Amino acid sequence: MTSPVQLDDKDRRAVRNRLSRARGQLDAVIRQLEENRDCLDVLPQMIAASKAVDRATYAMVLSAIESCANEPGDHPDITELKKLFLSLA
């Protein structure tokens, strides 16, 4: 049986903060769309929200990889981690 991969408290807070930031940015995008704002005003917020989610995702993948590298014992199939990592590209 494989051991679960968990975020430590510091990483969990960092991921949560990034996702909260993304939620705020998405709320701003929705407001701007409802206000019929110019696309050039909306797009930077959309890009920022996308980057915030991407960075949260990278942090989780990195945590899984670090967990496998640093802790003895059974781990999730490395093929699954590779597939998740490559799906980010």
C-alpha atoms as a PDB file:
ATOM      1  CA  MET A   1       0.000   0.000   0.000  1.00  0.00           C
ATOM      2  CA  THR A   2       1.312   3.457  -0.854  1.00  0.00           C
ATOM      3  CA  SER A   3       1.578   6.224   1.705  1.00  0.00           C
ATOM      4  CA  PRO A   4      -0.533   9.313   1.044  1.00  0.00           C
ATOM      5  CA  VAL A   5       1.131  12.460  -0.192  1.00  0.00           C
ATOM      6  CA  GLN A   6       0.098  15.360   2.006  1.00  0.00           C
ATOM      7  CA  LEU A   7       0.977  19.035   1.964  1.00  0.00           C
ATOM      8  CA  ASP A   8       2.714  20.259   5.081  1.00  0.00           C
ATOM      9  CA  ASP A   9       1.111  23.199   6.892  1.00  0.00           C
ATOM     10  CA  LYS A  10       3.350  25.811   5.246  1.00  0.00           C
ATOM     11  CA  ASP A  11       2.701  24.488   1.719  1.00  0.00           C
ATOM     12  CA  ARG A  12      -1.028  24.099   2.429  1.00  0.00           C
ATOM     13  CA  ARG A  13      -1.233  27.762   3.512  1.00  0.00           C
ATOM     14  CA  ALA A  14       0.722  28.879   0.438  1.00  0.00           C
ATOM     15  CA  VAL A  15      -1.550  26.928  -1.926  1.00  0.00           C
ATOM     16  CA  ARG A  16      -4.667  28.167  -0.151  1.00  0.00           C
ATOM     17  CA  ASN A  17      -3.437  31.777  -0.352  1.00  0.00           C
ATOM     18  CA  ARG A  18      -2.764  31.455  -4.081  1.00  0.00           C
ATOM     19  CA  LEU A  19      -6.216  29.968  -4.664  1.00  0.00           C
ATOM     20  CA  SER A  20      -7.850  32.696  -2.568  1.00  0.00           C
ATOM     21  CA  ARG A  21      -6.005  35.289  -4.643  1.00  0.00           C
ATOM     22  CA  ALA A  22      -7.229  33.582  -7.824  1.00  0.00           C
ATOM     23  CA  ARG A  23     -10.798  33.590  -6.507  1.00  0.00           C
ATOM     24  CA  GLY A  24     -10.559  37.331  -5.871  1.00  0.00           C
ATOM     25  CA  GLN A  25      -9.183  37.889  -9.349  1.00  0.00           C
ATOM     26  CA  LEU A  26     -11.956  35.795 -10.899  1.00  0.00           C
ATOM     27  CA  ASP A  27     -14.558  37.767  -8.941  1.00  0.00           C
ATOM     28  CA  ALA A  28     -13.013  40.938 -10.391  1.00  0.00           C
ATOM     29  CA  VAL A  29     -13.175  39.464 -13.911  1.00  0.00           C
ATOM     30  CA  ILE A  30     -16.845  38.587 -13.468  1.00  0.00           C
ATOM     31  CA  ARG A  31     -17.593  42.100 -12.198  1.00  0.00           C
ATOM     32  CA  GLN A  32     -15.733  43.651 -15.112  1.00  0.00           C
ATOM     33  CA  LEU A  33     -17.657  41.501 -17.586  1.00  0.00           C
ATOM     34  CA  GLU A  34     -20.963  42.411 -15.959  1.00  0.00           C
ATOM     35  CA  GLU A  35     -19.938  46.078 -16.216  1.00  0.00           C
ATOM     36  CA  ASN A  36     -19.162  45.529 -19.911  1.00  0.00           C
ATOM     37  CA  ARG A  37     -15.568  46.697 -19.405  1.00  0.00           C
ATOM     38  CA  ASP A  38     -13.085  46.829 -22.237  1.00  0.00           C
ATOM     39  CA  CYS A  39     -11.343  43.529 -23.025  1.00  0.00           C
ATOM     40  CA  LEU A  40      -7.959  45.158 -22.451  1.00  0.00           C
ATOM     41  CA  ASP A  41      -9.042  45.889 -18.867  1.00  0.00           C
ATOM     42  CA  VAL A  42     -10.353  42.360 -18.252  1.00  0.00           C
ATOM     43  CA  LEU A  43      -7.571  40.282 -19.785  1.00  0.00           C
ATOM     44  CA  PRO A  44      -4.834  41.168 -17.270  1.00  0.00           C
ATOM     45  CA  GLN A  45      -7.077  39.992 -14.425  1.00  0.00           C
ATOM     46  CA  MET A  46      -7.827  36.752 -16.284  1.00  0.00           C
ATOM     47  CA  ILE A  47      -4.127  36.146 -16.877  1.00  0.00           C
ATOM     48  CA  ALA A  48      -3.335  36.842 -13.224  1.00  0.00           C
ATOM     49  CA  ALA A  49      -6.033  34.427 -12.051  1.00  0.00           C
ATOM     50  CA  SER A  50      -4.758  31.748 -14.396  1.00  0.00           C
ATOM     51  CA  LYS A  51      -1.186  32.193 -13.147  1.00  0.00           C
ATOM     52  CA  ALA A  52      -2.305  32.014  -9.522  1.00  0.00           C
ATOM     53  CA  VAL A  53      -4.047  28.679 -10.146  1.00  0.00           C
ATOM     54  CA  ASP A  54      -1.047  27.408 -12.126  1.00  0.00           C
ATOM     55  CA  ARG A  55       1.337  28.287  -9.313  1.00  0.00           C
ATOM     56  CA  ALA A  56      -0.865  26.570  -6.752  1.00  0.00           C
ATOM     57  CA  THR A  57      -0.871  23.494  -8.970  1.00  0.00           C
ATOM     58  CA  TYR A  58       2.917  23.589  -9.355  1.00  0.00           C
ATOM     59  CA  ALA A  59       3.304  23.840  -5.593  1.00  0.00           C
ATOM     60  CA  MET A  60       1.164  20.734  -5.074  1.00  0.00           C
ATOM     61  CA  VAL A  61       3.050  18.729  -7.710  1.00  0.00           C
ATOM     62  CA  LEU A  62       6.364  19.830  -6.241  1.00  0.00           C
ATOM     63  CA  SER A  63       5.199  18.785  -2.775  1.00  0.00           C
ATOM     64  CA  ALA A  64       4.315  15.327  -4.098  1.00  0.00           C
ATOM     65  CA  ILE A  65       7.700  14.975  -5.782  1.00  0.00           C
ATOM     66  CA  GLU A  66       9.545  16.169  -2.659  1.00  0.00           C
ATOM     67  CA  SER A  67       7.567  13.773  -0.505  1.00  0.00           C
ATOM     68  CA  CYS A  68       8.560  10.857  -2.700  1.00  0.00           C
ATOM     69  CA  ALA A  69      12.203  11.942  -2.750  1.00  0.00           C
ATOM     70  CA  ASN A  70      12.550  12.648   0.973  1.00  0.00           C
ATOM     71  CA  GLU A  71      10.478  10.019   2.749  1.00  0.00           C
ATOM     72  CA  PRO A  72      11.210   6.316   2.852  1.00  0.00           C
ATOM     73  CA  GLY A  73       8.448   3.875   2.093  1.00  0.00           C
ATOM     74  CA  ASP A  74       5.928   3.256  -0.602  1.00  0.00           C
ATOM     75  CA  HIS A  75       4.849   6.184  -2.720  1.00  0.00           C
ATOM     76  CA  PRO A  76       2.374   6.879  -5.474  1.00  0.00           C
ATOM     77  CA  ASP A  77       3.368   5.442  -8.804  1.00  0.00           C
ATOM     78  CA  ILE A  78       6.085   7.705 -10.243  1.00  0.00           C
ATOM     79  CA  THR A  79       4.441   7.282 -13.637  1.00  0.00           C
ATOM     80  CA  GLU A  80       1.348   9.004 -12.268  1.00  0.00           C
ATOM     81  CA  LEU A  81       3.455  11.893 -10.946  1.00  0.00           C
ATOM     82  CA  LYS A  82       5.215  12.217 -14.295  1.00  0.00           C
ATOM     83  CA  LYS A  83       1.891  12.257 -16.105  1.00  0.00           C
ATOM     84  CA  LEU A  84       0.560  14.978 -13.796  1.00  0.00           C
ATOM     85  CA  PHE A  85       3.740  17.021 -14.201  1.00  0.00           C
ATOM     86  CA  LEU A  86       3.697  16.761 -17.989  1.00  0.00           C
ATOM     87  CA  SER A  87       0.020  17.701 -18.127  1.00  0.00           C
ATOM     88  CA  LEU A  88       1.054  21.140 -16.853  1.00  0.00           C
ATOM     89  CA  ALA A  89       2.971  21.828 -20.063  1.00  0.00           C
END
